[in-house]
Amino acid sequence: MMTPVTITGPRRSLADHGGLGEVARLLESAPAADIVAWAALRYGSGLVMTASFQDCVLVDVVAGVAPGTEVVFLDTGYHFDETLAYLAQVRERYGLNLRVVGPELAPDDRWRHDPDGCCQARKVEPLRRALTGKAAWLSGLRRADNPLRAGVPVVGYDEVCGAVKVNPLATWSDDDVAAYVAERELPVHPLRAQGFTSIGCWPCTRPTAPGEDPREGRWSGSAKTECGLHL
């Protein structure tokens, strides 16, 4: 059971986020469903979820606790056809309240010479637009993803996006994810069977070899490890 203080009391304005550290501490060991329930009760229609559709674990958790929550997909214009097909499959399965947000520019080859700028224009800026008027967003961010994410809190305030960021899966290991997928018999992204362990845009994603870190398949051959959404 969650401590009542984490879910009761008047809702704060967007600017009043000083108590989130205590909330994060109290929710640190809570099940993902309880964290989602807290966020849904706390922020109501001001809550949105973002999904990259590498998998549908968080989608499944949210659908069971707060069905109807708006789900935002950032369509960069460079997603694999398999990702778009998987999105359609998951959308139908859960009857998602889906909003697709894309960049305000046409496809180009910026990814070849300026991958950071490409991610900024095709992911970060669209996310900021998607969060306009929202108080909080649910993210599938996990500490196990890479060392840069090792300290991510369950709940925190994103100064860049100006919204509370809730990471219900923050404490989950890769084994936790795999076990949940198997137990719930969730659909799996078709590229997983082809060795893709971390799936982003097709120009910057490759399969990984056995034993290779999953994130090695992203921006391979460069020092880049993040798109900028979670920094």
Protein backbone atom coordinates (compact mmCIF):
# COMPACT_ATOMS: atom_id res chain seq x y z
CA MET A 1 0.00 0.00 0.00
CA MET A 2 1.21 3.50 -0.81
CA THR A 3 1.51 6.09 1.93
CA PRO A 4 -1.60 8.30 1.60
CA VAL A 5 0.41 11.50 1.56
CA THR A 6 1.62 10.64 -1.92
CA ILE A 7 -1.85 10.64 -3.42
CA THR A 8 -3.98 13.01 -1.38
CA GLY A 9 -4.20 16.75 -0.93
CA PRO A 10 -4.92 19.56 -3.39
CA ARG A 11 -3.25 19.52 -6.78
CA ARG A 12 -0.37 21.91 -7.12
CA SER A 13 0.07 24.40 -9.91
CA LEU A 14 2.64 23.58 -12.59
CA ALA A 15 5.19 25.87 -10.94
CA ASP A 16 4.82 24.32 -7.48
CA HIS A 17 6.97 21.21 -7.65
CA GLY A 18 9.12 21.56 -4.56
CA GLY A 19 7.74 18.44 -2.86
CA LEU A 20 8.56 15.99 -5.64
CA GLY A 21 11.70 14.73 -3.94
CA GLU A 22 9.66 13.36 -1.05
CA VAL A 23 7.13 11.89 -3.46
CA ALA A 24 9.94 10.17 -5.37
CA ARG A 25 11.28 8.72 -2.12
CA LEU A 26 7.90 7.36 -1.11
CA LEU A 27 7.26 5.87 -4.55
CA GLU A 28 10.76 4.44 -5.03
CA SER A 29 9.72 0.87 -4.23
CA ALA A 30 6.10 1.12 -5.39
CA PRO A 31 4.82 -1.09 -8.21
CA ALA A 32 4.64 0.63 -11.59
CA ALA A 33 0.85 0.46 -11.54
CA ASP A 34 0.74 2.34 -8.22
CA ILE A 35 3.04 5.04 -9.60
CA VAL A 36 0.79 5.47 -12.63
CA ALA A 37 -2.28 5.55 -10.37
CA TRP A 38 -0.69 8.32 -8.27
CA ALA A 39 0.10 10.36 -11.39
CA ALA A 40 -3.38 9.90 -12.84
CA LEU A 41 -5.05 10.96 -9.60
CA ARG A 42 -2.64 13.85 -9.09
CA TYR A 43 -2.71 15.35 -12.58
CA GLY A 44 -5.91 14.07 -14.21
CA SER A 45 -6.35 15.34 -17.75
CA GLY A 46 -3.05 17.19 -17.39
CA LEU A 47 -1.22 13.86 -17.66
CA VAL A 48 0.16 12.53 -20.94
CA MET A 49 2.24 9.49 -21.80
CA THR A 50 4.99 9.33 -24.41
CA ALA A 51 5.79 6.07 -26.18
CA SER A 52 8.46 5.18 -28.72
CA PHE A 53 6.85 1.77 -29.33
CA GLN A 54 10.03 -0.23 -28.95
CA ASP A 55 7.79 -2.32 -26.73
CA CYS A 56 4.40 -1.83 -25.09
CA VAL A 57 5.19 -2.52 -21.43
CA LEU A 58 4.31 0.95 -20.13
CA VAL A 59 1.32 1.10 -22.48
CA ASP A 60 0.03 -2.09 -20.87
CA VAL A 61 0.58 -0.78 -17.34
CA VAL A 62 -1.15 2.53 -18.07
CA ALA A 63 -4.04 0.86 -19.90
CA GLY A 64 -4.75 -1.23 -16.82
CA VAL A 65 -4.73 1.69 -14.40
CA ALA A 66 -5.63 4.84 -16.31
CA PRO A 67 -7.24 3.86 -19.62
CA GLY A 68 -7.89 6.79 -21.91
CA THR A 69 -4.66 8.56 -20.96
CA GLU A 70 -3.37 10.45 -23.99
CA VAL A 71 -0.44 8.64 -25.61
CA VAL A 72 1.96 10.73 -27.68
CA PHE A 73 4.10 9.21 -30.42
CA LEU A 74 6.86 11.40 -31.81
CA ASP A 75 6.94 10.63 -35.52
CA THR A 76 10.38 11.75 -36.66
CA GLY A 77 9.72 10.81 -40.27
CA TYR A 78 12.45 8.17 -40.06
CA HIS A 79 10.83 5.33 -38.15
CA PHE A 80 11.14 1.80 -39.47
CA ASP A 81 8.06 0.49 -41.28
CA GLU A 82 8.06 -2.27 -38.67
CA THR A 83 7.74 0.30 -35.89
CA LEU A 84 4.75 1.93 -37.54
CA ALA A 85 3.14 -1.49 -38.06
CA TYR A 86 3.78 -2.37 -34.42
CA LEU A 87 2.27 0.95 -33.32
CA ALA A 88 -0.89 0.14 -35.31
CA GLN A 89 -1.05 -3.31 -33.70
CA VAL A 90 -0.68 -1.93 -30.17
CA ARG A 91 -3.12 0.91 -30.85
CA GLU A 92 -5.78 -1.56 -31.93
CA ARG A 93 -5.15 -3.91 -29.02
CA TYR A 94 -5.55 -1.20 -26.38
CA GLY A 95 -7.83 1.29 -28.15
CA LEU A 96 -5.26 3.98 -27.46
CA ASN A 97 -6.06 7.66 -27.23
CA LEU A 98 -3.14 8.28 -29.58
CA ARG A 99 -1.73 11.62 -30.69
CA VAL A 100 1.00 11.64 -33.34
CA VAL A 101 3.29 14.68 -33.22
CA GLY A 102 5.83 15.31 -35.95
CA PRO A 103 8.55 17.84 -36.73
CA GLU A 104 7.84 21.12 -38.47
CA LEU A 105 10.21 20.36 -41.33
CA ALA A 106 10.47 17.97 -44.26
CA PRO A 107 12.77 14.93 -44.34
CA ASP A 108 16.41 15.81 -44.99
CA ASP A 109 19.87 14.33 -44.47
CA ARG A 110 20.83 16.29 -41.39
CA TRP A 111 21.27 13.03 -39.53
CA ARG A 112 24.39 12.39 -41.62
CA HIS A 113 26.39 15.39 -40.38
CA ASP A 114 24.49 16.75 -37.36
CA PRO A 115 22.73 13.95 -35.45
CA ASP A 116 22.29 16.10 -32.34
CA GLY A 117 20.58 18.81 -34.36
CA CYS A 118 18.45 16.22 -36.11
CA CYS A 119 17.24 14.80 -32.80
CA GLN A 120 16.61 18.31 -31.49
CA ALA A 121 14.41 19.18 -34.46
CA ARG A 122 12.63 15.84 -34.80
CA LYS A 123 12.25 14.73 -31.17
CA VAL A 124 12.97 17.40 -28.57
CA GLU A 125 11.08 20.28 -30.18
CA PRO A 126 8.02 18.14 -31.02
CA LEU A 127 7.97 16.85 -27.44
CA ARG A 128 7.88 20.39 -26.11
CA ARG A 129 4.89 21.13 -28.33
CA ALA A 130 3.20 17.90 -27.24
CA LEU A 131 3.60 18.88 -23.58
CA THR A 132 2.21 22.40 -24.00
CA GLY A 133 -0.57 22.82 -21.48
CA LYS A 134 0.23 19.51 -19.76
CA ALA A 135 1.30 19.23 -16.14
CA ALA A 136 3.05 15.85 -16.22
CA TRP A 137 4.21 13.12 -18.55
CA LEU A 138 4.72 9.40 -18.16
CA SER A 139 7.95 8.05 -19.64
CA GLY A 140 9.32 4.53 -20.06
CA LEU A 141 12.79 5.66 -18.97
CA ARG A 142 14.74 3.03 -16.99
CA ARG A 143 17.97 3.26 -15.01
CA ALA A 144 19.20 0.08 -16.66
CA ASP A 145 19.08 1.64 -20.13
CA ASN A 146 22.56 3.15 -19.89
CA PRO A 147 24.92 4.72 -17.30
CA LEU A 148 23.65 8.24 -18.01
CA ARG A 149 20.22 7.18 -16.77
CA ALA A 150 21.42 5.38 -13.64
CA GLY A 151 20.24 8.15 -11.32
CA VAL A 152 16.87 8.89 -12.89
CA PRO A 153 14.18 9.44 -10.22
CA VAL A 154 10.78 7.81 -10.24
CA VAL A 155 9.29 11.30 -10.15
CA GLY A 156 11.03 14.59 -10.90
CA TYR A 157 10.64 17.92 -12.60
CA ASP A 158 11.87 18.41 -16.17
CA GLU A 159 13.08 22.00 -16.32
CA VAL A 160 13.55 21.87 -20.10
CA CYS A 161 10.01 20.75 -20.86
CA GLY A 162 8.42 22.53 -17.92
CA ALA A 163 6.49 19.50 -16.67
CA VAL A 164 6.66 16.83 -14.00
CA LYS A 165 8.23 13.66 -15.37
CA VAL A 166 7.05 10.32 -14.02
CA ASN A 167 9.09 7.19 -14.76
CA PRO A 168 7.08 4.20 -13.48
CA LEU A 169 9.62 1.68 -14.86
CA ALA A 170 12.71 3.50 -13.57
CA THR A 171 13.78 0.67 -11.27
CA TRP A 172 13.07 -2.17 -13.71
CA SER A 173 15.91 -4.35 -14.99
CA ASP A 174 16.01 -5.92 -18.45
CA ASP A 175 14.97 -9.19 -16.82
CA ASP A 176 11.97 -7.47 -15.22
CA VAL A 177 10.86 -6.23 -18.63
CA ALA A 178 11.31 -9.63 -20.25
CA ALA A 179 9.40 -11.36 -17.46
CA TYR A 180 6.52 -8.88 -17.70
CA VAL A 181 6.31 -9.28 -21.48
CA ALA A 182 6.20 -13.07 -21.14
CA GLU A 183 3.71 -13.08 -18.26
CA ARG A 184 1.34 -10.68 -19.98
CA GLU A 185 1.92 -12.23 -23.44
CA LEU A 186 2.54 -8.80 -24.89
CA PRO A 187 3.16 -8.30 -28.62
CA VAL A 188 6.84 -7.89 -29.43
CA HIS A 189 8.34 -5.45 -31.93
CA PRO A 190 9.14 -7.48 -35.09
CA LEU A 191 12.70 -6.13 -35.32
CA ARG A 192 13.61 -7.79 -32.02
CA ALA A 193 13.86 -11.10 -33.84
CA GLN A 194 16.40 -9.53 -36.21
CA GLY A 195 18.80 -8.51 -33.45
CA PHE A 196 17.60 -4.96 -32.83
CA THR A 197 17.85 -4.45 -29.08
CA SER A 198 17.28 -0.67 -29.01
CA ILE A 199 15.09 0.69 -31.77
CA GLY A 200 15.07 4.28 -32.97
CA CYS A 201 15.18 5.88 -36.41
CA TRP A 202 16.35 3.71 -39.29
CA PRO A 203 19.35 5.89 -40.31
CA CYS A 204 20.86 5.66 -36.82
CA THR A 205 19.93 2.16 -35.64
CA ARG A 206 21.53 -1.21 -36.35
CA PRO A 207 21.26 -4.74 -34.92
CA THR A 208 23.62 -5.62 -32.09
CA ALA A 209 25.82 -8.68 -31.80
CA PRO A 210 25.35 -11.24 -28.99
CA GLY A 211 26.85 -9.84 -25.80
CA GLU A 212 27.00 -6.30 -27.16
CA ASP A 213 25.39 -3.55 -25.10
CA PRO A 214 21.88 -2.89 -26.44
CA ARG A 215 22.56 0.84 -26.85
CA GLU A 216 25.56 0.11 -29.11
CA GLY A 217 23.06 -0.21 -31.90
CA ARG A 218 22.16 3.46 -31.68
CA TRP A 219 24.36 6.10 -33.39
CA SER A 220 26.98 3.40 -33.91
CA GLY A 221 30.52 4.65 -34.42
CA SER A 222 29.91 7.96 -32.65
CA ALA A 223 30.08 9.19 -29.06
CA LYS A 224 26.37 10.01 -29.12
CA THR A 225 24.26 7.89 -26.76
CA GLU A 226 21.10 9.98 -26.19
CA CYS A 227 18.59 11.72 -28.44
CA GLY A 228 18.11 14.54 -25.95
CA LEU A 229 14.64 13.75 -24.68
CA HIS A 230 15.93 12.54 -21.33
CA LEU A 231 18.89 14.82 -20.63
